[in-house]
Amino acid sequence: MSYILIVDDERPMLNLMAKACEQMGHRVKQVQSGKEALMRMQTD
């Protein structure tokens, strides 16, 4: 199963981008920092 990883430190923008991607049929994971993104990429 594949996902789009969205990284943004502003929660409203993160939610907006995730919603737009989900509406296009993509699976989305959201994080708020580069460090969190790297950790997520290593574990998922």
Protein backbone atom coordinates (compact mmCIF):
# COMPACT_ATOMS: atom_id res chain seq x y z
CA MET A 1 0.00 0.00 0.00
CA SER A 2 1.49 3.38 -0.94
CA TYR A 3 0.92 6.80 0.56
CA ILE A 4 1.69 10.45 -0.05
CA LEU A 5 3.64 11.91 2.86
CA ILE A 6 2.75 15.55 3.43
CA VAL A 7 5.04 17.67 5.60
CA ASP A 8 4.04 21.14 6.80
CA ASP A 9 4.46 22.87 10.13
CA GLU A 10 1.16 24.74 9.79
CA ARG A 11 -1.71 22.42 10.77
CA PRO A 12 -4.41 24.19 8.65
CA MET A 13 -2.29 23.94 5.49
CA LEU A 14 -1.42 20.32 6.27
CA ASN A 15 -5.10 19.45 6.62
CA LEU A 16 -6.01 21.31 3.43
CA MET A 17 -3.36 19.52 1.36
CA ALA A 18 -4.29 16.15 2.84
CA LYS A 19 -7.97 16.65 2.13
CA ALA A 20 -7.25 17.67 -1.49
CA CYS A 21 -5.08 14.58 -2.05
CA GLU A 22 -7.62 12.28 -0.42
CA GLN A 23 -10.39 13.70 -2.62
CA MET A 24 -8.28 12.73 -5.64
CA GLY A 25 -8.15 9.17 -4.34
CA HIS A 26 -4.71 9.16 -2.72
CA ARG A 27 -3.83 7.75 0.68
CA VAL A 28 -2.16 10.37 2.85
CA LYS A 29 0.05 10.49 5.91
CA GLN A 30 0.68 13.82 7.59
CA VAL A 31 3.58 15.07 9.72
CA GLN A 32 4.56 18.50 10.96
CA SER A 33 8.37 18.41 10.83
CA GLY A 34 11.25 17.19 8.75
CA LYS A 35 12.49 15.05 11.64
CA GLU A 36 9.08 13.43 11.98
CA ALA A 37 8.98 12.84 8.21
CA LEU A 38 12.35 11.06 8.24
CA MET A 39 11.24 8.87 11.14
CA ARG A 40 7.98 8.04 9.36
CA MET A 41 9.84 7.14 6.15
CA GLN A 42 12.12 4.76 8.04
CA THR A 43 9.30 2.97 9.86
CA ASP A 44 6.65 2.78 7.12
